[in-house]
């Protein structure tokens, strides 16, 4: 049973870590939608890679954050950031808020990712 749970958790973690690229299929529709508001195709494409930049930044900051938070607290905060910022674009279709949510999504992923590889 323990082996099965370990496998399920590893597969779930792997799925979660690649979820930031799941919006790629919707890029053409997003480009068309945001072009009406004056946003370029490059700005919309930035929404795909923005979480990756945030993950890298968070990996560098994790050693500093570990001084104030326990491992459990970091995972809980990371999961909260990941889930709330991942769901925010369902409610709000404003580019600056989506930009912010994608950035927070990457920060949450980075907090979890650092603990997953250690």
PDB file of N, CA and C in Angstrom:
ATOM      1  N   UNK A   1       0.817  -1.197   0.000  1.00  0.00           N
ATOM      2  CA  UNK A   1       0.000   0.000   0.000  1.00  0.00           C
ATOM      3  C   UNK A   1       0.862   1.263   0.000  1.00  0.00           C
ATOM      4  N   UNK A   2       1.936   1.237   0.803  1.00  0.00           N
ATOM      5  CA  UNK A   2       2.810   2.399   0.875  1.00  0.00           C
ATOM      6  C   UNK A   2       3.492   2.651  -0.471  1.00  0.00           C
ATOM      7  N   UNK A   3       3.877   1.574  -1.148  1.00  0.00           N
ATOM      8  CA  UNK A   3       4.530   1.696  -2.447  1.00  0.00           C
ATOM      9  C   UNK A   3       3.579   2.305  -3.482  1.00  0.00           C
ATOM     10  N   UNK A   4       2.309   1.893  -3.421  1.00  0.00           N
ATOM     11  CA  UNK A   4       1.310   2.418  -4.354  1.00  0.00           C
ATOM     12  C   UNK A   4       1.083   3.910  -4.116  1.00  0.00           C
ATOM     13  N   UNK A   5       0.965   4.319  -2.866  1.00  0.00           N
ATOM     14  CA  UNK A   5       0.779   5.735  -2.546  1.00  0.00           C
ATOM     15  C   UNK A   5       1.987   6.566  -2.972  1.00  0.00           C
ATOM     16  N   UNK A   6       3.167   5.995  -2.828  1.00  0.00           N
ATOM     17  CA  UNK A   6       4.375   6.695  -3.251  1.00  0.00           C
ATOM     18  C   UNK A   6       4.366   6.900  -4.758  1.00  0.00           C
ATOM     19  N   UNK A   7       3.974   5.898  -5.504  1.00  0.00           N
ATOM     20  CA  UNK A   7       3.902   6.016  -6.964  1.00  0.00           C
ATOM     21  C   UNK A   7       2.853   7.037  -7.385  1.00  0.00           C
ATOM     22  N   UNK A   8       1.697   6.988  -6.744  1.00  0.00           N
ATOM     23  CA  UNK A   8       0.630   7.938  -7.066  1.00  0.00           C
ATOM     24  C   UNK A   8       1.073   9.367  -6.756  1.00  0.00           C
ATOM     25  N   UNK A   9       1.736   9.560  -5.635  1.00  0.00           N
ATOM     26  CA  UNK A   9       2.179  10.908  -5.273  1.00  0.00           C
ATOM     27  C   UNK A   9       3.247  11.416  -6.236  1.00  0.00           C
ATOM     28  N   UNK A  10       4.157  10.562  -6.669  1.00  0.00           N
ATOM     29  CA  UNK A  10       5.175  10.981  -7.635  1.00  0.00           C
ATOM     30  C   UNK A  10       4.560  11.331  -8.984  1.00  0.00           C
ATOM     31  N   UNK A  11       3.599  10.535  -9.429  1.00  0.00           N
ATOM     32  CA  UNK A  11       2.927  10.834 -10.693  1.00  0.00           C
ATOM     33  C   UNK A  11       2.109  12.117 -10.589  1.00  0.00           C
ATOM     34  N   UNK A  12       1.454  12.326  -9.468  1.00  0.00           N
ATOM     35  CA  UNK A  12       0.678  13.552  -9.262  1.00  0.00           C
ATOM     36  C   UNK A  12       1.585  14.772  -9.239  1.00  0.00           C
ATOM     37  N   UNK A  13       2.716  14.655  -8.587  1.00  0.00           N
ATOM     38  CA  UNK A  13       3.669  15.752  -8.536  1.00  0.00           C
ATOM     39  C   UNK A  13       4.199  16.070  -9.927  1.00  0.00           C
ATOM     40  N   UNK A  14       4.514  15.058 -10.701  1.00  0.00           N
ATOM     41  CA  UNK A  14       4.997  15.272 -12.062  1.00  0.00           C
ATOM     42  C   UNK A  14       3.943  15.959 -12.916  1.00  0.00           C
ATOM     43  N   UNK A  15       2.700  15.552 -12.768  1.00  0.00           N
ATOM     44  CA  UNK A  15       1.612  16.174 -13.516  1.00  0.00           C
ATOM     45  C   UNK A  15       1.443  17.633 -13.110  1.00  0.00           C
ATOM     46  N   UNK A  16       1.557  17.905 -11.827  1.00  0.00           N
ATOM     47  CA  UNK A  16       1.406  19.262 -11.335  1.00  0.00           C
ATOM     48  C   UNK A  16       2.519  20.168 -11.854  1.00  0.00           C
ATOM     49  N   UNK A  17       3.727  19.660 -11.919  1.00  0.00           N
ATOM     50  CA  UNK A  17       4.862  20.481 -12.317  1.00  0.00           C
ATOM     51  C   UNK A  17       4.830  20.863 -13.787  1.00  0.00           C
ATOM     52  N   UNK A  18       4.146  20.083 -14.619  1.00  0.00           N
ATOM     53  CA  UNK A  18       4.062  20.441 -16.039  1.00  0.00           C
ATOM     54  C   UNK A  18       2.760  21.154 -16.379  1.00  0.00           C
ATOM     55  N   UNK A  19       1.905  21.377 -15.384  1.00  0.00           N
ATOM     56  CA  UNK A  19       0.596  21.972 -15.651  1.00  0.00           C
ATOM     57  C   UNK A  19       0.671  23.430 -16.084  1.00  0.00           C
ATOM     58  N   UNK A  20       1.774  24.102 -15.856  1.00  0.00           N
ATOM     59  CA  UNK A  20       1.861  25.508 -16.248  1.00  0.00           C
ATOM     60  C   UNK A  20       1.826  25.679 -17.761  1.00  0.00           C
ATOM     61  N   UNK A  21       2.149  24.633 -18.494  1.00  0.00           N
ATOM     62  CA  UNK A  21       2.135  24.720 -19.951  1.00  0.00           C
ATOM     63  C   UNK A  21       0.803  24.283 -20.550  1.00  0.00           C
ATOM     64  N   UNK A  22      -0.181  23.998 -19.725  1.00  0.00           N
ATOM     65  CA  UNK A  22      -1.461  23.501 -20.223  1.00  0.00           C
ATOM     66  C   UNK A  22      -2.260  24.561 -20.965  1.00  0.00           C
ATOM     67  N   UNK A  23      -1.933  25.831 -20.820  1.00  0.00           N
ATOM     68  CA  UNK A  23      -2.672  26.872 -21.526  1.00  0.00           C
ATOM     69  C   UNK A  23      -2.214  27.034 -22.969  1.00  0.00           C
ATOM     70  N   UNK A  24      -1.185  26.322 -23.366  1.00  0.00           N
ATOM     71  CA  UNK A  24      -0.645  26.452 -24.713  1.00  0.00           C
ATOM     72  C   UNK A  24      -1.697  26.171 -25.778  1.00  0.00           C
ATOM     73  N   UNK A  25      -2.564  25.219 -25.539  1.00  0.00           N
ATOM     74  CA  UNK A  25      -3.598  24.885 -26.522  1.00  0.00           C
ATOM     75  C   UNK A  25      -4.583  26.030 -26.719  1.00  0.00           C
ATOM     76  N   UNK A  26      -4.755  26.859 -25.741  1.00  0.00           N
ATOM     77  CA  UNK A  26      -5.689  27.976 -25.839  1.00  0.00           C
ATOM     78  C   UNK A  26      -5.070  29.279 -26.315  1.00  0.00           C
ATOM     79  N   UNK A  27      -3.789  29.258 -26.679  1.00  0.00           N
ATOM     80  CA  UNK A  27      -3.119  30.492 -27.087  1.00  0.00           C
ATOM     81  C   UNK A  27      -3.778  31.195 -28.272  1.00  0.00           C
ATOM     82  N   UNK A  28      -4.168  30.495 -29.336  1.00  0.00           N
ATOM     83  CA  UNK A  28      -4.805  31.220 -30.450  1.00  0.00           C
ATOM     84  C   UNK A  28      -6.066  31.983 -30.023  1.00  0.00           C
ATOM     85  N   UNK A  29      -6.889  31.363 -29.213  1.00  0.00           N
ATOM     86  CA  UNK A  29      -8.101  32.044 -28.739  1.00  0.00           C
ATOM     87  C   UNK A  29      -7.746  33.202 -27.808  1.00  0.00           C
ATOM     88  N   UNK A  30      -6.728  33.008 -26.981  1.00  0.00           N
ATOM     89  CA  UNK A  30      -6.313  34.076 -26.073  1.00  0.00           C
ATOM     90  C   UNK A  30      -5.731  35.257 -26.845  1.00  0.00           C
ATOM     91  N   UNK A  31      -4.957  34.974 -27.897  1.00  0.00           N
ATOM     92  CA  UNK A  31      -4.405  36.052 -28.725  1.00  0.00           C
ATOM     93  C   UNK A  31      -5.522  36.851 -29.373  1.00  0.00           C
ATOM     94  N   UNK A  32      -6.525  36.153 -29.895  1.00  0.00           N
ATOM     95  CA  UNK A  32      -7.652  36.843 -30.526  1.00  0.00           C
ATOM     96  C   UNK A  32      -8.414  37.683 -29.505  1.00  0.00           C
ATOM     97  N   UNK A  33      -8.644  37.148 -28.340  1.00  0.00           N
ATOM     98  CA  UNK A  33      -9.398  37.863 -27.302  1.00  0.00           C
ATOM     99  C   UNK A  33      -8.639  39.099 -26.827  1.00  0.00           C
ATOM    100  N   UNK A  34      -7.365  38.935 -26.479  1.00  0.00           N
ATOM    101  CA  UNK A  34      -6.610  40.049 -25.917  1.00  0.00           C
ATOM    102  C   UNK A  34      -6.185  41.065 -26.969  1.00  0.00           C
ATOM    103  N   UNK A  35      -6.202  40.706 -28.259  1.00  0.00           N
ATOM    104  CA  UNK A  35      -5.870  41.682 -29.300  1.00  0.00           C
ATOM    105  C   UNK A  35      -6.912  42.798 -29.348  1.00  0.00           C
ATOM    106  N   UNK A  36      -8.139  42.513 -28.948  1.00  0.00           N
ATOM    107  CA  UNK A  36      -9.191  43.538 -28.905  1.00  0.00           C
ATOM    108  C   UNK A  36      -8.924  44.579 -27.817  1.00  0.00           C
ATOM    109  N   UNK A  37      -8.092  44.242 -26.868  1.00  0.00           N
ATOM    110  CA  UNK A  37      -7.771  45.155 -25.773  1.00  0.00           C
ATOM    111  C   UNK A  37      -6.384  45.775 -25.931  1.00  0.00           C
ATOM    112  N   UNK A  38      -5.747  45.551 -27.080  1.00  0.00           N
ATOM    113  CA  UNK A  38      -4.465  46.175 -27.368  1.00  0.00           C
ATOM    114  C   UNK A  38      -3.238  45.408 -26.911  1.00  0.00           C
ATOM    115  N   UNK A  39      -3.389  44.151 -26.546  1.00  0.00           N
ATOM    116  CA  UNK A  39      -2.235  43.348 -26.126  1.00  0.00           C
ATOM    117  C   UNK A  39      -1.679  42.593 -27.323  1.00  0.00           C
ATOM    118  N   UNK A  40      -0.364  42.575 -27.442  1.00  0.00           N
ATOM    119  CA  UNK A  40       0.278  41.909 -28.576  1.00  0.00           C
ATOM    120  C   UNK A  40       0.334  40.401 -28.361  1.00  0.00           C
ATOM    121  N   UNK A  41       0.650  39.697 -29.447  1.00  0.00           N
ATOM    122  CA  UNK A  41       0.782  38.237 -29.366  1.00  0.00           C
ATOM    123  C   UNK A  41       1.923  37.857 -28.424  1.00  0.00           C
ATOM    124  N   UNK A  42       2.985  38.638 -28.419  1.00  0.00           N
ATOM    125  CA  UNK A  42       4.112  38.365 -27.528  1.00  0.00           C
ATOM    126  C   UNK A  42       3.744  38.481 -26.061  1.00  0.00           C
ATOM    127  N   UNK A  43       2.899  39.453 -25.750  1.00  0.00           N
ATOM    128  CA  UNK A  43       2.465  39.607 -24.364  1.00  0.00           C
ATOM    129  C   UNK A  43       1.614  38.425 -23.921  1.00  0.00           C
ATOM    130  N   UNK A  44       0.784  37.926 -24.819  1.00  0.00           N
ATOM    131  CA  UNK A  44      -0.051  36.771 -24.482  1.00  0.00           C
ATOM    132  C   UNK A  44       0.814  35.520 -24.353  1.00  0.00           C
ATOM    133  N   UNK A  45       1.806  35.368 -25.235  1.00  0.00           N
ATOM    134  CA  UNK A  45       2.696  34.205 -25.163  1.00  0.00           C
ATOM    135  C   UNK A  45       3.546  34.226 -23.898  1.00  0.00           C
ATOM    136  N   UNK A  46       3.793  35.402 -23.362  1.00  0.00           N
ATOM    137  CA  UNK A  46       4.552  35.515 -22.114  1.00  0.00           C
ATOM    138  C   UNK A  46       3.837  34.818 -20.961  1.00  0.00           C
ATOM    139  N   UNK A  47       2.524  34.725 -21.034  1.00  0.00           N
ATOM    140  CA  UNK A  47       1.756  34.059 -19.978  1.00  0.00           C
ATOM    141  C   UNK A  47       2.112  32.581 -19.857  1.00  0.00           C
ATOM    142  N   UNK A  48       2.620  31.990 -20.943  1.00  0.00           N
ATOM    143  CA  UNK A  48       3.011  30.575 -20.906  1.00  0.00           C
ATOM    144  C   UNK A  48       4.337  30.402 -20.178  1.00  0.00           C
ATOM    145  N   UNK A  49       5.302  31.262 -20.465  1.00  0.00           N
ATOM    146  CA  UNK A  49       6.644  31.087 -19.897  1.00  0.00           C
ATOM    147  C   UNK A  49       6.834  31.791 -18.554  1.00  0.00           C
ATOM    148  N   UNK A  50       5.942  32.677 -18.191  1.00  0.00           N
ATOM    149  CA  UNK A  50       6.085  33.420 -16.937  1.00  0.00           C
ATOM    150  C   UNK A  50       6.196  32.525 -15.702  1.00  0.00           C
ATOM    151  N   UNK A  51       5.387  31.474 -15.560  1.00  0.00           N
ATOM    152  CA  UNK A  51       5.550  30.612 -14.382  1.00  0.00           C
ATOM    153  C   UNK A  51       6.932  29.966 -14.289  1.00  0.00           C
ATOM    154  N   UNK A  52       7.539  29.656 -15.433  1.00  0.00           N
ATOM    155  CA  UNK A  52       8.869  29.041 -15.407  1.00  0.00           C
ATOM    156  C   UNK A  52       9.900  30.007 -14.821  1.00  0.00           C
ATOM    157  N   UNK A  53       9.785  31.293 -15.167  1.00  0.00           N
ATOM    158  CA  UNK A  53      10.694  32.286 -14.592  1.00  0.00           C
ATOM    159  C   UNK A  53      10.483  32.410 -13.084  1.00  0.00           C
ATOM    160  N   UNK A  54       9.222  32.363 -12.666  1.00  0.00           N
ATOM    161  CA  UNK A  54       8.917  32.456 -11.237  1.00  0.00           C
ATOM    162  C   UNK A  54       9.428  31.234 -10.480  1.00  0.00           C
ATOM    163  N   UNK A  55       9.354  30.060 -11.101  1.00  0.00           N
ATOM    164  CA  UNK A  55       9.870  28.839 -10.462  1.00  0.00           C
ATOM    165  C   UNK A  55      11.368  28.975 -10.223  1.00  0.00           C
ATOM    166  N   UNK A  56      12.096  29.451 -11.225  1.00  0.00           N
ATOM    167  CA  UNK A  56      13.547  29.612 -11.080  1.00  0.00           C
ATOM    168  C   UNK A  56      13.859  30.620  -9.974  1.00  0.00           C
ATOM    169  N   UNK A  57      13.131  31.730  -9.957  1.00  0.00           N
ATOM    170  CA  UNK A  57      13.338  32.720  -8.903  1.00  0.00           C
ATOM    171  C   UNK A  57      13.064  32.159  -7.522  1.00  0.00           C
ATOM    172  N   UNK A  58      12.004  31.376  -7.415  1.00  0.00           N
ATOM    173  CA  UNK A  58      11.651  30.794  -6.117  1.00  0.00           C
ATOM    174  C   UNK A  58      12.679  29.753  -5.681  1.00  0.00           C
ATOM    175  N   UNK A  59      13.255  29.032  -6.612  1.00  0.00           N
ATOM    176  CA  UNK A  59      14.283  28.055  -6.246  1.00  0.00           C
ATOM    177  C   UNK A  59      15.491  28.747  -5.619  1.00  0.00           C
ATOM    178  N   UNK A  60      15.802  29.954  -6.104  1.00  0.00           N
ATOM    179  CA  UNK A  60      16.893  30.710  -5.500  1.00  0.00           C
ATOM    180  C   UNK A  60      16.510  31.267  -4.125  1.00  0.00           C
ATOM    181  N   UNK A  61      15.242  31.619  -3.956  1.00  0.00           N
ATOM    182  CA  UNK A  61      14.788  32.223  -2.698  1.00  0.00           C
ATOM    183  C   UNK A  61      14.422  31.212  -1.622  1.00  0.00           C
ATOM    184  N   UNK A  62      14.328  29.954  -1.968  1.00  0.00           N
ATOM    185  CA  UNK A  62      13.886  28.943  -1.006  1.00  0.00           C
ATOM    186  C   UNK A  62      14.781  28.856   0.223  1.00  0.00           C
ATOM    187  N   UNK A  63      16.076  29.003   0.045  1.00  0.00           N
ATOM    188  CA  UNK A  63      16.966  28.909   1.208  1.00  0.00           C
ATOM    189  C   UNK A  63      16.716  30.057   2.184  1.00  0.00           C
ATOM    190  N   UNK A  64      16.326  31.212   1.675  1.00  0.00           N
ATOM    191  CA  UNK A  64      16.007  32.346   2.543  1.00  0.00           C
ATOM    192  C   UNK A  64      14.667  32.118   3.239  1.00  0.00           C
ATOM    193  N   UNK A  65      13.678  31.629   2.494  1.00  0.00           N
ATOM    194  CA  UNK A  65      12.337  31.409   3.045  1.00  0.00           C
ATOM    195  C   UNK A  65      12.356  30.307   4.107  1.00  0.00           C
ATOM    196  N   UNK A  66      13.246  29.326   3.948  1.00  0.00           N
ATOM    197  CA  UNK A  66      13.331  28.222   4.910  1.00  0.00           C
ATOM    198  C   UNK A  66      13.696  28.692   6.315  1.00  0.00           C
ATOM    199  N   UNK A  67      14.267  29.879   6.425  1.00  0.00           N
ATOM    200  CA  UNK A  67      14.626  30.406   7.748  1.00  0.00           C
ATOM    201  C   UNK A  67      13.389  30.770   8.563  1.00  0.00           C
ATOM    202  N   UNK A  68      12.303  31.145   7.874  1.00  0.00           N
ATOM    203  CA  UNK A  68      11.095  31.598   8.564  1.00  0.00           C
ATOM    204  C   UNK A  68       9.947  30.600   8.516  1.00  0.00           C
ATOM    205  N   UNK A  69      10.013  29.641   7.624  1.00  0.00           N
ATOM    206  CA  UNK A  69       8.900  28.702   7.470  1.00  0.00           C
ATOM    207  C   UNK A  69       9.415  27.273   7.539  1.00  0.00           C
ATOM    208  N   UNK A  70       8.614  26.406   8.113  1.00  0.00           N
ATOM    209  CA  UNK A  70       8.969  24.987   8.128  1.00  0.00           C
ATOM    210  C   UNK A  70       8.663  24.385   6.757  1.00  0.00           C
ATOM    211  N   UNK A  71       9.126  23.167   6.564  1.00  0.00           N
ATOM    212  CA  UNK A  71       8.882  22.487   5.294  1.00  0.00           C
ATOM    213  C   UNK A  71       7.381  22.314   5.056  1.00  0.00           C
ATOM    214  N   UNK A  72       6.675  21.944   6.089  1.00  0.00           N
ATOM    215  CA  UNK A  72       5.222  21.756   5.971  1.00  0.00           C
ATOM    216  C   UNK A  72       4.524  23.066   5.604  1.00  0.00           C
ATOM    217  N   UNK A  73       4.912  24.162   6.251  1.00  0.00           N
ATOM    218  CA  UNK A  73       4.312  25.461   5.952  1.00  0.00           C
ATOM    219  C   UNK A  73       4.592  25.880   4.512  1.00  0.00           C
ATOM    220  N   UNK A  74       5.805  25.615   4.042  1.00  0.00           N
ATOM    221  CA  UNK A  74       6.140  25.968   2.663  1.00  0.00           C
ATOM    222  C   UNK A  74       5.296  25.179   1.672  1.00  0.00           C
ATOM    223  N   UNK A  75       5.087  23.915   1.945  1.00  0.00           N
ATOM    224  CA  UNK A  75       4.281  23.093   1.046  1.00  0.00           C
ATOM    225  C   UNK A  75       2.825  23.564   1.059  1.00  0.00           C
ATOM    226  N   UNK A  76       2.301  23.876   2.234  1.00  0.00           N
ATOM    227  CA  UNK A  76       0.910  24.343   2.327  1.00  0.00           C
ATOM    228  C   UNK A  76       0.742  25.682   1.613  1.00  0.00           C
ATOM    229  N   UNK A  77       1.653  26.613   1.850  1.00  0.00           N
ATOM    230  CA  UNK A  77       1.584  27.912   1.177  1.00  0.00           C
ATOM    231  C   UNK A  77       1.746  27.733  -0.333  1.00  0.00           C
ATOM    232  N   UNK A  78       2.667  26.877  -0.741  1.00  0.00           N
ATOM    233  CA  UNK A  78       2.849  26.607  -2.162  1.00  0.00           C
ATOM    234  C   UNK A  78       1.605  26.024  -2.806  1.00  0.00           C
ATOM    235  N   UNK A  79       0.958  25.089  -2.122  1.00  0.00           N
ATOM    236  CA  UNK A  79      -0.279  24.506  -2.654  1.00  0.00           C
ATOM    237  C   UNK A  79      -1.405  25.527  -2.705  1.00  0.00           C
ATOM    238  N   UNK A  80      -1.488  26.394  -1.706  1.00  0.00           N
ATOM    239  CA  UNK A  80      -2.508  27.448  -1.725  1.00  0.00           C
ATOM    240  C   UNK A  80      -2.278  28.425  -2.875  1.00  0.00           C
ATOM    241  N   UNK A  81      -1.031  28.853  -3.051  1.00  0.00           N
ATOM    242  CA  UNK A  81      -0.710  29.732  -4.178  1.00  0.00           C
ATOM    243  C   UNK A  81      -1.009  29.048  -5.504  1.00  0.00           C
ATOM    244  N   UNK A  82      -0.600  27.804  -5.608  1.00  0.00           N
ATOM    245  CA  UNK A  82      -0.788  27.028  -6.832  1.00  0.00           C
ATOM    246  C   UNK A  82      -2.266  26.907  -7.182  1.00  0.00           C
ATOM    247  N   UNK A  83      -3.082  26.540  -6.211  1.00  0.00           N
ATOM    248  CA  UNK A  83      -4.498  26.286  -6.502  1.00  0.00           C
ATOM    249  C   UNK A  83      -5.291  27.574  -6.713  1.00  0.00           C
ATOM    250  N   UNK A  84      -5.097  28.571  -5.858  1.00  0.00           N
ATOM    251  CA  UNK A  84      -5.881  29.802  -6.017  1.00  0.00           C
ATOM    252  C   UNK A  84      -5.486  30.580  -7.268  1.00  0.00           C
ATOM    253  N   UNK A  85      -4.198  30.692  -7.519  1.00  0.00           N
ATOM    254  CA  UNK A  85      -3.779  31.432  -8.712  1.00  0.00           C
ATOM    255  C   UNK A  85      -4.025  30.636  -9.987  1.00  0.00           C
ATOM    256  N   UNK A  86      -4.100  29.336  -9.886  1.00  0.00           N
ATOM    257  CA  UNK A  86      -4.440  28.535 -11.056  1.00  0.00           C
ATOM    258  C   UNK A  86      -5.904  28.646 -11.429  1.00  0.00           C
ATOM    259  N   UNK A  87      -6.752  28.897 -10.441  1.00  0.00           N
ATOM    260  CA  UNK A  87      -8.193  29.020 -10.692  1.00  0.00           C
ATOM    261  C   UNK A  87      -8.643  30.457 -10.951  1.00  0.00           C
ATOM    262  N   UNK A  88      -7.847  31.443 -10.587  1.00  0.00           N
ATOM    263  CA  UNK A  88      -8.231  32.842 -10.751  1.00  0.00           C
ATOM    264  C   UNK A  88      -8.589  33.213 -12.193  1.00  0.00           C
ATOM    265  N   UNK A  89      -7.849  32.775 -13.211  1.00  0.00           N
ATOM    266  CA  UNK A  89      -8.226  33.141 -14.582  1.00  0.00           C
ATOM    267  C   UNK A  89      -9.579  32.583 -15.037  1.00  0.00           C
ATOM    268  N   UNK A  90     -10.137  31.635 -14.318  1.00  0.00           N
ATOM    269  CA  UNK A  90     -11.492  31.181 -14.636  1.00  0.00           C
ATOM    270  C   UNK A  90     -12.523  32.251 -14.299  1.00  0.00           C
ATOM    271  N   UNK A  91     -12.208  33.063 -13.308  1.00  0.00           N
ATOM    272  CA  UNK A  91     -13.146  34.070 -12.823  1.00  0.00           C
ATOM    273  C   UNK A  91     -12.895  35.425 -13.480  1.00  0.00           C
ATOM    274  N   UNK A  92     -11.630  35.788 -13.639  1.00  0.00           N
ATOM    275  CA  UNK A  92     -11.255  37.109 -14.129  1.00  0.00           C
ATOM    276  C   UNK A  92     -10.536  36.970 -15.467  1.00  0.00           C
ATOM    277  N   UNK A  93     -10.946  37.749 -16.456  1.00  0.00           N
ATOM    278  CA  UNK A  93     -10.296  37.713 -17.760  1.00  0.00           C
ATOM    279  C   UNK A  93      -9.538  39.008 -18.065  1.00  0.00           C
ATOM    280  N   UNK A  94      -9.039  39.663 -17.057  1.00  0.00           N
ATOM    281  CA  UNK A  94      -8.273  40.887 -17.205  1.00  0.00           C
ATOM    282  C   UNK A  94      -6.789  40.521 -17.308  1.00  0.00           C
ATOM    283  N   UNK A  95      -6.097  41.033 -18.345  1.00  0.00           N
ATOM    284  CA  UNK A  95      -4.711  40.627 -18.588  1.00  0.00           C
ATOM    285  C   UNK A  95      -3.793  40.873 -17.385  1.00  0.00           C
ATOM    286  N   UNK A  96      -3.803  42.057 -16.770  1.00  0.00           N
ATOM    287  CA  UNK A  96      -2.892  42.249 -15.626  1.00  0.00           C
ATOM    288  C   UNK A  96      -3.137  41.260 -14.482  1.00  0.00           C
ATOM    289  N   UNK A  97      -4.389  40.929 -14.226  1.00  0.00           N
ATOM    290  CA  UNK A  97      -4.672  39.963 -13.158  1.00  0.00           C
ATOM    291  C   UNK A  97      -4.264  38.548 -13.555  1.00  0.00           C
ATOM    292  N   UNK A  98      -4.431  38.213 -14.826  1.00  0.00           N
ATOM    293  CA  UNK A  98      -3.970  36.901 -15.292  1.00  0.00           C
ATOM    294  C   UNK A  98      -2.449  36.836 -15.227  1.00  0.00           C
ATOM    295  N   UNK A  99      -1.788  37.939 -15.597  1.00  0.00           N
ATOM    296  CA  UNK A  99      -0.330  38.014 -15.502  1.00  0.00           C
ATOM    297  C   UNK A  99       0.115  37.769 -14.058  1.00  0.00           C
ATOM    298  N   UNK A 100      -0.531  38.450 -13.121  1.00  0.00           N
ATOM    299  CA  UNK A 100      -0.204  38.280 -11.703  1.00  0.00           C
ATOM    300  C   UNK A 100      -0.494  36.860 -11.232  1.00  0.00           C
ATOM    301  N   UNK A 101      -1.613  36.297 -11.669  1.00  0.00           N
ATOM    302  CA  UNK A 101      -1.947  34.935 -11.235  1.00  0.00           C
ATOM    303  C   UNK A 101      -0.957  33.920 -11.792  1.00  0.00           C
ATOM    304  N   UNK A 102      -0.485  34.123 -13.015  1.00  0.00           N
ATOM    305  CA  UNK A 102       0.510  33.206 -13.581  1.00  0.00           C
ATOM    306  C   UNK A 102       1.841  33.325 -12.836  1.00  0.00           C
ATOM    307  N   UNK A 103       2.180  34.533 -12.416  1.00  0.00           N
ATOM    308  CA  UNK A 103       3.396  34.737 -11.629  1.00  0.00           C
ATOM    309  C   UNK A 103       3.282  34.038 -10.275  1.00  0.00           C
ATOM    310  N   UNK A 104       2.149  34.206  -9.604  1.00  0.00           N
ATOM    311  CA  UNK A 104       1.930  33.536  -8.316  1.00  0.00           C
ATOM    312  C   UNK A 104       1.858  32.022  -8.483  1.00  0.00           C
ATOM    313  N   UNK A 105       1.300  31.580  -9.610  1.00  0.00           N
ATOM    314  CA  UNK A 105       1.245  30.153  -9.923  1.00  0.00           C
ATOM    315  C   UNK A 105       2.663  29.575  -9.975  1.00  0.00           C
ATOM    316  N   UNK A 106       3.567  30.292 -10.626  1.00  0.00           N
ATOM    317  CA  UNK A 106       4.953  29.854 -10.698  1.00  0.00           C
ATOM    318  C   UNK A 106       5.648  29.877  -9.349  1.00  0.00           C
ATOM    319  N   UNK A 107       5.342  30.881  -8.525  1.00  0.00           N
ATOM    320  CA  UNK A 107       5.934  30.935  -7.185  1.00  0.00           C
ATOM    321  C   UNK A 107       5.472  29.751  -6.343  1.00  0.00           C
ATOM    322  N   UNK A 108       4.184  29.435  -6.428  1.00  0.00           N
ATOM    323  CA  UNK A 108       3.666  28.273  -5.701  1.00  0.00           C
ATOM    324  C   UNK A 108       4.291  26.982  -6.183  1.00  0.00           C
ATOM    325  N   UNK A 109       4.427  26.862  -7.492  1.00  0.00           N
ATOM    326  CA  UNK A 109       5.068  25.673  -8.060  1.00  0.00           C
ATOM    327  C   UNK A 109       6.517  25.576  -7.610  1.00  0.00           C
ATOM    328  N   UNK A 110       7.203  26.717  -7.558  1.00  0.00           N
ATOM    329  CA  UNK A 110       8.594  26.728  -7.109  1.00  0.00           C
ATOM    330  C   UNK A 110       8.750  26.320  -5.656  1.00  0.00           C
ATOM    331  N   UNK A 111       7.805  26.735  -4.816  1.00  0.00           N
ATOM    332  CA  UNK A 111       7.867  26.347  -3.397  1.00  0.00           C
ATOM    333  C   UNK A 111       7.687  24.844  -3.238  1.00  0.00           C
ATOM    334  N   UNK A 112       6.787  24.280  -4.032  1.00  0.00           N
ATOM    335  CA  UNK A 112       6.538  22.841  -3.951  1.00  0.00           C
ATOM    336  C   UNK A 112       7.675  22.068  -4.605  1.00  0.00           C
ATOM    337  N   UNK A 113       8.148  22.576  -5.724  1.00  0.00           N
ATOM    338  CA  UNK A 113       9.191  21.899  -6.487  1.00  0.00           C
ATOM    339  C   UNK A 113      10.467  21.752  -5.664  1.00  0.00           C
ATOM    340  N   UNK A 114      10.823  22.773  -4.923  1.00  0.00           N
ATOM    341  CA  UNK A 114      12.047  22.706  -4.116  1.00  0.00           C
ATOM    342  C   UNK A 114      11.956  21.601  -3.079  1.00  0.00           C
ATOM    343  N   UNK A 115      10.791  21.411  -2.513  1.00  0.00           N
ATOM    344  CA  UNK A 115      10.616  20.358  -1.506  1.00  0.00           C
ATOM    345  C   UNK A 115      10.475  18.982  -2.154  1.00  0.00           C
ATOM    346  N   UNK A 116      10.048  18.949  -3.400  1.00  0.00           N
ATOM    347  CA  UNK A 116       9.873  17.666  -4.086  1.00  0.00           C
ATOM    348  C   UNK A 116      11.210  17.036  -4.455  1.00  0.00           C
ATOM    349  N   UNK A 117      12.199  17.881  -4.740  1.00  0.00           N
ATOM    350  CA  UNK A 117      13.480  17.333  -5.171  1.00  0.00           C
ATOM    351  C   UNK A 117      14.457  17.148  -4.021  1.00  0.00           C
ATOM    352  N   UNK A 118      14.083  17.620  -2.833  1.00  0.00           N
ATOM    353  CA  UNK A 118      15.001  17.461  -1.695  1.00  0.00           C
ATOM    354  C   UNK A 118      14.634  16.254  -0.861  1.00  0.00           C
TER     355      UNK A 118
END
